[in-house]
Amino acid sequence: MKRDLTEAELQRLGLVKSPTMIDRGWTKEQIKDAIKELGFSVAGLEKALGVAPRSINQSLQRRSVSSDKAIAAFLNVHESVIWPN
């Protein structure tokens, strides 16, 4: 079952919304950690979302509009927070 990350979990993952974080966005490792914090692997998330295998992983290397939206929706975070530019 999907749930939102708590403020403490965000802080532990280094995802607290500081001005620097907002300017740079999240690293691919921070995105993967946030997915794991919610109980999924990247492959498990791909299955749960019904997207092609490796599509989420590939979007962490090179952005993809559909995968970016799926990741942001799953993490319950606006895309512009994860990828500000």
PDB file of N, CA and C in Angstrom:
ATOM      1  N   MET A   1       0.837  -1.178   0.000  1.00  0.00           N
ATOM      2  CA  MET A   1       0.000   0.000   0.000  1.00  0.00           C
ATOM      3  C   MET A   1       0.882   1.242   0.000  1.00  0.00           C
ATOM      4  N   LYS A   2       0.570   2.179  -0.858  1.00  0.00           N
ATOM      5  CA  LYS A   2       1.337   3.403  -0.993  1.00  0.00           C
ATOM      6  C   LYS A   2       1.063   4.339   0.170  1.00  0.00           C
ATOM      7  N   ARG A   3       2.125   4.996   0.639  1.00  0.00           N
ATOM      8  CA  ARG A   3       1.963   6.003   1.676  1.00  0.00           C
ATOM      9  C   ARG A   3       2.928   7.140   1.402  1.00  0.00           C
ATOM     10  N   ASP A   4       2.679   8.286   1.996  1.00  0.00           N
ATOM     11  CA  ASP A   4       3.577   9.423   1.837  1.00  0.00           C
ATOM     12  C   ASP A   4       4.775   9.250   2.754  1.00  0.00           C
ATOM     13  N   LEU A   5       5.913   9.782   2.324  1.00  0.00           N
ATOM     14  CA  LEU A   5       7.078   9.796   3.191  1.00  0.00           C
ATOM     15  C   LEU A   5       6.857  10.831   4.289  1.00  0.00           C
ATOM     16  N   THR A   6       7.240  10.489   5.501  1.00  0.00           N
ATOM     17  CA  THR A   6       7.123  11.446   6.606  1.00  0.00           C
ATOM     18  C   THR A   6       8.263  12.448   6.525  1.00  0.00           C
ATOM     19  N   GLU A   7       8.134  13.541   7.248  1.00  0.00           N
ATOM     20  CA  GLU A   7       9.191  14.548   7.284  1.00  0.00           C
ATOM     21  C   GLU A   7      10.493  13.932   7.791  1.00  0.00           C
ATOM     22  N   ALA A   8      10.401  13.056   8.801  1.00  0.00           N
ATOM     23  CA  ALA A   8      11.599  12.396   9.340  1.00  0.00           C
ATOM     24  C   ALA A   8      12.258  11.505   8.292  1.00  0.00           C
ATOM     25  N   GLU A   9      11.447  10.776   7.497  1.00  0.00           N
ATOM     26  CA  GLU A   9      12.002   9.918   6.445  1.00  0.00           C
ATOM     27  C   GLU A   9      12.661  10.766   5.362  1.00  0.00           C
ATOM     28  N   LEU A  10      12.023  11.862   4.996  1.00  0.00           N
ATOM     29  CA  LEU A  10      12.613  12.757   4.003  1.00  0.00           C
ATOM     30  C   LEU A  10      13.951  13.297   4.496  1.00  0.00           C
ATOM     31  N   GLN A  11      14.000  13.660   5.776  1.00  0.00           N
ATOM     32  CA  GLN A  11      15.229  14.200   6.356  1.00  0.00           C
ATOM     33  C   GLN A  11      16.318  13.127   6.368  1.00  0.00           C
ATOM     34  N   ARG A  12      15.975  11.906   6.772  1.00  0.00           N
ATOM     35  CA  ARG A  12      16.941  10.813   6.826  1.00  0.00           C
ATOM     36  C   ARG A  12      17.495  10.506   5.437  1.00  0.00           C
ATOM     37  N   LEU A  13      16.667  10.635   4.419  1.00  0.00           N
ATOM     38  CA  LEU A  13      17.105  10.378   3.047  1.00  0.00           C
ATOM     39  C   LEU A  13      17.843  11.561   2.429  1.00  0.00           C
ATOM     40  N   GLY A  14      17.909  12.666   3.179  1.00  0.00           N
ATOM     41  CA  GLY A  14      18.558  13.860   2.646  1.00  0.00           C
ATOM     42  C   GLY A  14      17.695  14.613   1.666  1.00  0.00           C
ATOM     43  N   LEU A  15      16.372  14.477   1.807  1.00  0.00           N
ATOM     44  CA  LEU A  15      15.451  15.079   0.844  1.00  0.00           C
ATOM     45  C   LEU A  15      14.653  16.234   1.446  1.00  0.00           C
ATOM     46  N   VAL A  16      15.151  16.814   2.531  1.00  0.00           N
ATOM     47  CA  VAL A  16      14.477  17.964   3.125  1.00  0.00           C
ATOM     48  C   VAL A  16      14.587  19.110   2.144  1.00  0.00           C
ATOM     49  N   LYS A  17      13.527  19.849   2.012  1.00  0.00           N
ATOM     50  CA  LYS A  17      13.464  20.891   0.993  1.00  0.00           C
ATOM     51  C   LYS A  17      14.223  22.146   1.428  1.00  0.00           C
ATOM     52  N   SER A  18      15.521  22.117   1.245  1.00  0.00           N
ATOM     53  CA  SER A  18      16.338  23.300   1.499  1.00  0.00           C
ATOM     54  C   SER A  18      16.451  24.071   0.191  1.00  0.00           C
ATOM     55  N   PRO A  19      16.845  25.351   0.242  1.00  0.00           N
ATOM     56  CA  PRO A  19      16.997  26.109  -1.017  1.00  0.00           C
ATOM     57  C   PRO A  19      17.959  25.431  -1.990  1.00  0.00           C
ATOM     58  N   THR A  20      19.030  24.834  -1.487  1.00  0.00           N
ATOM     59  CA  THR A  20      19.984  24.143  -2.359  1.00  0.00           C
ATOM     60  C   THR A  20      19.332  22.950  -3.029  1.00  0.00           C
ATOM     61  N   MET A  21      18.558  22.189  -2.269  1.00  0.00           N
ATOM     62  CA  MET A  21      17.881  21.007  -2.797  1.00  0.00           C
ATOM     63  C   MET A  21      16.904  21.401  -3.898  1.00  0.00           C
ATOM     64  N   ILE A  22      16.194  22.487  -3.691  1.00  0.00           N
ATOM     65  CA  ILE A  22      15.216  22.935  -4.680  1.00  0.00           C
ATOM     66  C   ILE A  22      15.920  23.323  -5.977  1.00  0.00           C
ATOM     67  N   ASP A  23      17.087  23.960  -5.882  1.00  0.00           N
ATOM     68  CA  ASP A  23      17.831  24.363  -7.073  1.00  0.00           C
ATOM     69  C   ASP A  23      18.369  23.170  -7.855  1.00  0.00           C
ATOM     70  N   ARG A  24      18.874  22.159  -7.139  1.00  0.00           N
ATOM     71  CA  ARG A  24      19.534  21.033  -7.792  1.00  0.00           C
ATOM     72  C   ARG A  24      18.617  19.863  -8.084  1.00  0.00           C
ATOM     73  N   GLY A  25      17.583  19.691  -7.314  1.00  0.00           N
ATOM     74  CA  GLY A  25      16.725  18.527  -7.473  1.00  0.00           C
ATOM     75  C   GLY A  25      17.314  17.323  -6.767  1.00  0.00           C
ATOM     76  N   TRP A  26      16.706  16.176  -6.984  1.00  0.00           N
ATOM     77  CA  TRP A  26      17.129  14.944  -6.325  1.00  0.00           C
ATOM     78  C   TRP A  26      18.097  14.191  -7.215  1.00  0.00           C
ATOM     79  N   THR A  27      19.027  13.496  -6.595  1.00  0.00           N
ATOM     80  CA  THR A  27      19.923  12.622  -7.357  1.00  0.00           C
ATOM     81  C   THR A  27      19.187  11.313  -7.646  1.00  0.00           C
ATOM     82  N   LYS A  28      19.709  10.535  -8.580  1.00  0.00           N
ATOM     83  CA  LYS A  28      19.053   9.251  -8.877  1.00  0.00           C
ATOM     84  C   LYS A  28      19.103   8.327  -7.666  1.00  0.00           C
ATOM     85  N   GLU A  29      20.154   8.429  -6.855  1.00  0.00           N
ATOM     86  CA  GLU A  29      20.229   7.605  -5.646  1.00  0.00           C
ATOM     87  C   GLU A  29      19.174   8.022  -4.628  1.00  0.00           C
ATOM     88  N   GLN A  30      18.915   9.315  -4.512  1.00  0.00           N
ATOM     89  CA  GLN A  30      17.877   9.786  -3.600  1.00  0.00           C
ATOM     90  C   GLN A  30      16.493   9.324  -4.057  1.00  0.00           C
ATOM     91  N   ILE A  31      16.278   9.315  -5.359  1.00  0.00           N
ATOM     92  CA  ILE A  31      14.996   8.837  -5.900  1.00  0.00           C
ATOM     93  C   ILE A  31      14.839   7.347  -5.602  1.00  0.00           C
ATOM     94  N   LYS A  32      15.888   6.567  -5.853  1.00  0.00           N
ATOM     95  CA  LYS A  32      15.834   5.129  -5.574  1.00  0.00           C
ATOM     96  C   LYS A  32      15.611   4.875  -4.082  1.00  0.00           C
ATOM     97  N   ASP A  33      16.284   5.647  -3.222  1.00  0.00           N
ATOM     98  CA  ASP A  33      16.115   5.488  -1.772  1.00  0.00           C
ATOM     99  C   ASP A  33      14.688   5.800  -1.346  1.00  0.00           C
ATOM    100  N   ALA A  34      14.088   6.826  -1.943  1.00  0.00           N
ATOM    101  CA  ALA A  34      12.709   7.185  -1.605  1.00  0.00           C
ATOM    102  C   ALA A  34      11.744   6.083  -2.036  1.00  0.00           C
ATOM    103  N   ILE A  35      11.988   5.482  -3.191  1.00  0.00           N
ATOM    104  CA  ILE A  35      11.163   4.361  -3.669  1.00  0.00           C
ATOM    105  C   ILE A  35      11.303   3.183  -2.703  1.00  0.00           C
ATOM    106  N   LYS A  36      12.540   2.873  -2.299  1.00  0.00           N
ATOM    107  CA  LYS A  36      12.782   1.780  -1.356  1.00  0.00           C
ATOM    108  C   LYS A  36      12.139   2.054  -0.006  1.00  0.00           C
ATOM    109  N   GLU A  37      12.164   3.312   0.426  1.00  0.00           N
ATOM    110  CA  GLU A  37      11.564   3.690   1.712  1.00  0.00           C
ATOM    111  C   GLU A  37      10.066   3.386   1.728  1.00  0.00           C
ATOM    112  N   LEU A  38       9.448   3.428   0.563  1.00  0.00           N
ATOM    113  CA  LEU A  38       8.021   3.126   0.460  1.00  0.00           C
ATOM    114  C   LEU A  38       7.765   1.639   0.192  1.00  0.00           C
ATOM    115  N   GLY A  39       8.827   0.835   0.273  1.00  0.00           N
ATOM    116  CA  GLY A  39       8.661  -0.614   0.212  1.00  0.00           C
ATOM    117  C   GLY A  39       8.755  -1.234  -1.169  1.00  0.00           C
ATOM    118  N   PHE A  40       9.295  -0.517  -2.122  1.00  0.00           N
ATOM    119  CA  PHE A  40       9.403  -1.043  -3.483  1.00  0.00           C
ATOM    120  C   PHE A  40      10.842  -0.984  -3.966  1.00  0.00           C
ATOM    121  N   SER A  41      11.178  -1.907  -4.838  1.00  0.00           N
ATOM    122  CA  SER A  41      12.407  -1.787  -5.618  1.00  0.00           C
ATOM    123  C   SER A  41      12.020  -1.061  -6.901  1.00  0.00           C
ATOM    124  N   VAL A  42      12.993  -0.649  -7.673  1.00  0.00           N
ATOM    125  CA  VAL A  42      12.680  -0.016  -8.958  1.00  0.00           C
ATOM    126  C   VAL A  42      11.926  -1.000  -9.845  1.00  0.00           C
ATOM    127  N   ALA A  43      12.392  -2.250  -9.884  1.00  0.00           N
ATOM    128  CA  ALA A  43      11.715  -3.275 -10.698  1.00  0.00           C
ATOM    129  C   ALA A  43      10.301  -3.534 -10.182  1.00  0.00           C
ATOM    130  N   GLY A  44      10.141  -3.571  -8.864  1.00  0.00           N
ATOM    131  CA  GLY A  44       8.815  -3.770  -8.276  1.00  0.00           C
ATOM    132  C   GLY A  44       7.874  -2.622  -8.592  1.00  0.00           C
ATOM    133  N   LEU A  45       8.421  -1.414  -8.605  1.00  0.00           N
ATOM    134  CA  LEU A  45       7.608  -0.244  -8.951  1.00  0.00           C
ATOM    135  C   LEU A  45       7.180  -0.307 -10.413  1.00  0.00           C
ATOM    136  N   GLU A  46       8.077  -0.729 -11.277  1.00  0.00           N
ATOM    137  CA  GLU A  46       7.725  -0.870 -12.699  1.00  0.00           C
ATOM    138  C   GLU A  46       6.574  -1.851 -12.871  1.00  0.00           C
ATOM    139  N   LYS A  47       6.638  -2.973 -12.153  1.00  0.00           N
ATOM    140  CA  LYS A  47       5.549  -3.958 -12.217  1.00  0.00           C
ATOM    141  C   LYS A  47       4.258  -3.376 -11.684  1.00  0.00           C
ATOM    142  N   ALA A  48       4.341  -2.698 -10.526  1.00  0.00           N
ATOM    143  CA  ALA A  48       3.145  -2.133  -9.893  1.00  0.00           C
ATOM    144  C   ALA A  48       2.489  -1.071 -10.771  1.00  0.00           C
ATOM    145  N   LEU A  49       3.302  -0.302 -11.478  1.00  0.00           N
ATOM    146  CA  LEU A  49       2.771   0.749 -12.352  1.00  0.00           C
ATOM    147  C   LEU A  49       2.370   0.221 -13.719  1.00  0.00           C
ATOM    148  N   GLY A  50       2.791  -1.000 -14.035  1.00  0.00           N
ATOM    149  CA  GLY A  50       2.459  -1.591 -15.331  1.00  0.00           C
ATOM    150  C   GLY A  50       3.219  -0.962 -16.481  1.00  0.00           C
ATOM    151  N   VAL A  51       4.439  -0.497 -16.203  1.00  0.00           N
ATOM    152  CA  VAL A  51       5.259   0.092 -17.262  1.00  0.00           C
ATOM    153  C   VAL A  51       6.274  -0.941 -17.738  1.00  0.00           C
ATOM    154  N   ALA A  52       6.888  -0.667 -18.850  1.00  0.00           N
ATOM    155  CA  ALA A  52       7.857  -1.595 -19.428  1.00  0.00           C
ATOM    156  C   ALA A  52       9.037  -1.818 -18.479  1.00  0.00           C
ATOM    157  N   PRO A  53       9.558  -3.048 -18.456  1.00  0.00           N
ATOM    158  CA  PRO A  53      10.733  -3.320 -17.628  1.00  0.00           C
ATOM    159  C   PRO A  53      11.873  -2.366 -17.974  1.00  0.00           C
ATOM    160  N   ARG A  54      12.545  -1.920 -16.954  1.00  0.00           N
ATOM    161  CA  ARG A  54      13.695  -1.001 -17.037  1.00  0.00           C
ATOM    162  C   ARG A  54      13.326   0.428 -17.441  1.00  0.00           C
ATOM    163  N   SER A  55      12.052   0.738 -17.642  1.00  0.00           N
ATOM    164  CA  SER A  55      11.692   2.096 -18.061  1.00  0.00           C
ATOM    165  C   SER A  55      11.971   3.121 -16.962  1.00  0.00           C
ATOM    166  N   ILE A  56      11.679   2.774 -15.714  1.00  0.00           N
ATOM    167  CA  ILE A  56      11.950   3.688 -14.606  1.00  0.00           C
ATOM    168  C   ILE A  56      13.464   3.834 -14.441  1.00  0.00           C
ATOM    169  N   ASN A  57      14.163   2.715 -14.470  1.00  0.00           N
ATOM    170  CA  ASN A  57      15.617   2.751 -14.329  1.00  0.00           C
ATOM    171  C   ASN A  57      16.256   3.587 -15.439  1.00  0.00           C
ATOM    172  N   GLN A  58      15.758   3.429 -16.657  1.00  0.00           N
ATOM    173  CA  GLN A  58      16.291   4.199 -17.783  1.00  0.00           C
ATOM    174  C   GLN A  58      15.999   5.683 -17.624  1.00  0.00           C
ATOM    175  N   SER A  59      14.836   6.010 -17.051  1.00  0.00           N
ATOM    176  CA  SER A  59      14.502   7.426 -16.888  1.00  0.00           C
ATOM    177  C   SER A  59      15.358   8.088 -15.810  1.00  0.00           C
ATOM    178  N   LEU A  60      15.953   7.284 -14.929  1.00  0.00           N
ATOM    179  CA  LEU A  60      16.872   7.847 -13.947  1.00  0.00           C
ATOM    180  C   LEU A  60      18.203   8.221 -14.600  1.00  0.00           C
ATOM    181  N   GLN A  61      18.485   7.611 -15.746  1.00  0.00           N
ATOM    182  CA  GLN A  61      19.691   7.945 -16.508  1.00  0.00           C
ATOM    183  C   GLN A  61      19.422   9.107 -17.472  1.00  0.00           C
ATOM    184  N   ARG A  62      18.298   9.020 -18.159  1.00  0.00           N
ATOM    185  CA  ARG A  62      17.885  10.062 -19.103  1.00  0.00           C
ATOM    186  C   ARG A  62      16.396  10.259 -18.916  1.00  0.00           C
ATOM    187  N   ARG A  63      16.009  11.469 -18.621  1.00  0.00           N
ATOM    188  CA  ARG A  63      14.627  11.746 -18.249  1.00  0.00           C
ATOM    189  C   ARG A  63      13.633  11.381 -19.336  1.00  0.00           C
ATOM    190  N   SER A  64      12.465  10.935 -18.868  1.00  0.00           N
ATOM    191  CA  SER A  64      11.355  10.575 -19.735  1.00  0.00           C
ATOM    192  C   SER A  64      10.097  11.165 -19.121  1.00  0.00           C
ATOM    193  N   VAL A  65       9.324  11.899 -19.880  1.00  0.00           N
ATOM    194  CA  VAL A  65       8.153  12.586 -19.355  1.00  0.00           C
ATOM    195  C   VAL A  65       7.194  11.625 -18.663  1.00  0.00           C
ATOM    196  N   SER A  66       6.868  10.518 -19.307  1.00  0.00           N
ATOM    197  CA  SER A  66       5.893   9.595 -18.722  1.00  0.00           C
ATOM    198  C   SER A  66       6.439   8.936 -17.455  1.00  0.00           C
ATOM    199  N   SER A  67       7.698   8.527 -17.468  1.00  0.00           N
ATOM    200  CA  SER A  67       8.287   7.907 -16.283  1.00  0.00           C
ATOM    201  C   SER A  67       8.477   8.924 -15.161  1.00  0.00           C
ATOM    202  N   ASP A  68       8.871  10.144 -15.513  1.00  0.00           N
ATOM    203  CA  ASP A  68       9.022  11.197 -14.499  1.00  0.00           C
ATOM    204  C   ASP A  68       7.699  11.434 -13.778  1.00  0.00           C
ATOM    205  N   LYS A  69       6.629  11.501 -14.542  1.00  0.00           N
ATOM    206  CA  LYS A  69       5.302  11.709 -13.948  1.00  0.00           C
ATOM    207  C   LYS A  69       4.916  10.543 -13.047  1.00  0.00           C
ATOM    208  N   ALA A  70       5.210   9.324 -13.492  1.00  0.00           N
ATOM    209  CA  ALA A  70       4.867   8.141 -12.700  1.00  0.00           C
ATOM    210  C   ALA A  70       5.653   8.114 -11.392  1.00  0.00           C
ATOM    211  N   ILE A  71       6.948   8.428 -11.457  1.00  0.00           N
ATOM    212  CA  ILE A  71       7.781   8.440 -10.249  1.00  0.00           C
ATOM    213  C   ILE A  71       7.286   9.516  -9.284  1.00  0.00           C
ATOM    214  N   ALA A  72       7.056  10.709  -9.793  1.00  0.00           N
ATOM    215  CA  ALA A  72       6.601  11.818  -8.932  1.00  0.00           C
ATOM    216  C   ALA A  72       5.252  11.497  -8.294  1.00  0.00           C
ATOM    217  N   ALA A  73       4.340  10.939  -9.064  1.00  0.00           N
ATOM    218  CA  ALA A  73       3.020  10.587  -8.524  1.00  0.00           C
ATOM    219  C   ALA A  73       3.153   9.512  -7.450  1.00  0.00           C
ATOM    220  N   PHE A  74       3.995   8.512  -7.698  1.00  0.00           N
ATOM    221  CA  PHE A  74       4.194   7.451  -6.716  1.00  0.00           C
ATOM    222  C   PHE A  74       4.770   8.007  -5.415  1.00  0.00           C
ATOM    223  N   LEU A  75       5.743   8.922  -5.533  1.00  0.00           N
ATOM    224  CA  LEU A  75       6.372   9.505  -4.349  1.00  0.00           C
ATOM    225  C   LEU A  75       5.529  10.618  -3.731  1.00  0.00           C
ATOM    226  N   ASN A  76       4.452  10.980  -4.412  1.00  0.00           N
ATOM    227  CA  ASN A  76       3.561  12.053  -3.964  1.00  0.00           C
ATOM    228  C   ASN A  76       4.323  13.370  -3.791  1.00  0.00           C
ATOM    229  N   VAL A  77       5.171  13.643  -4.772  1.00  0.00           N
ATOM    230  CA  VAL A  77       5.979  14.856  -4.796  1.00  0.00           C
ATOM    231  C   VAL A  77       5.827  15.456  -6.190  1.00  0.00           C
ATOM    232  N   HIS A  78       5.693  16.759  -6.272  1.00  0.00           N
ATOM    233  CA  HIS A  78       5.571  17.396  -7.587  1.00  0.00           C
ATOM    234  C   HIS A  78       6.866  17.199  -8.378  1.00  0.00           C
ATOM    235  N   GLU A  79       6.730  16.982  -9.664  1.00  0.00           N
ATOM    236  CA  GLU A  79       7.894  16.760 -10.530  1.00  0.00           C
ATOM    237  C   GLU A  79       8.944  17.856 -10.401  1.00  0.00           C
ATOM    238  N   SER A  80       8.494  19.091 -10.243  1.00  0.00           N
ATOM    239  CA  SER A  80       9.439  20.222 -10.195  1.00  0.00           C
ATOM    240  C   SER A  80      10.302  20.195  -8.936  1.00  0.00           C
ATOM    241  N   VAL A  81       9.909  19.451  -7.927  1.00  0.00           N
ATOM    242  CA  VAL A  81      10.730  19.300  -6.729  1.00  0.00           C
ATOM    243  C   VAL A  81      11.869  18.310  -7.012  1.00  0.00           C
ATOM    244  N   ILE A  82      11.535  17.234  -7.701  1.00  0.00           N
ATOM    245  CA  ILE A  82      12.540  16.210  -8.010  1.00  0.00           C
ATOM    246  C   ILE A  82      13.464  16.691  -9.129  1.00  0.00           C
ATOM    247  N   TRP A  83      12.858  17.263 -10.173  1.00  0.00           N
ATOM    248  CA  TRP A  83      13.608  17.739 -11.340  1.00  0.00           C
ATOM    249  C   TRP A  83      13.257  19.205 -11.573  1.00  0.00           C
ATOM    250  N   PRO A  84      13.938  20.144 -10.927  1.00  0.00           N
ATOM    251  CA  PRO A  84      13.549  21.554 -11.027  1.00  0.00           C
ATOM    252  C   PRO A  84      13.797  22.207 -12.391  1.00  0.00           C
ATOM    253  N   ASN A  85      14.715  21.674 -13.176  1.00  0.00           N
ATOM    254  CA  ASN A  85      14.983  22.346 -14.466  1.00  0.00           C
ATOM    255  C   ASN A  85      14.490  21.534 -15.630  1.00  0.00           C
TER     256      ASN A  85
END
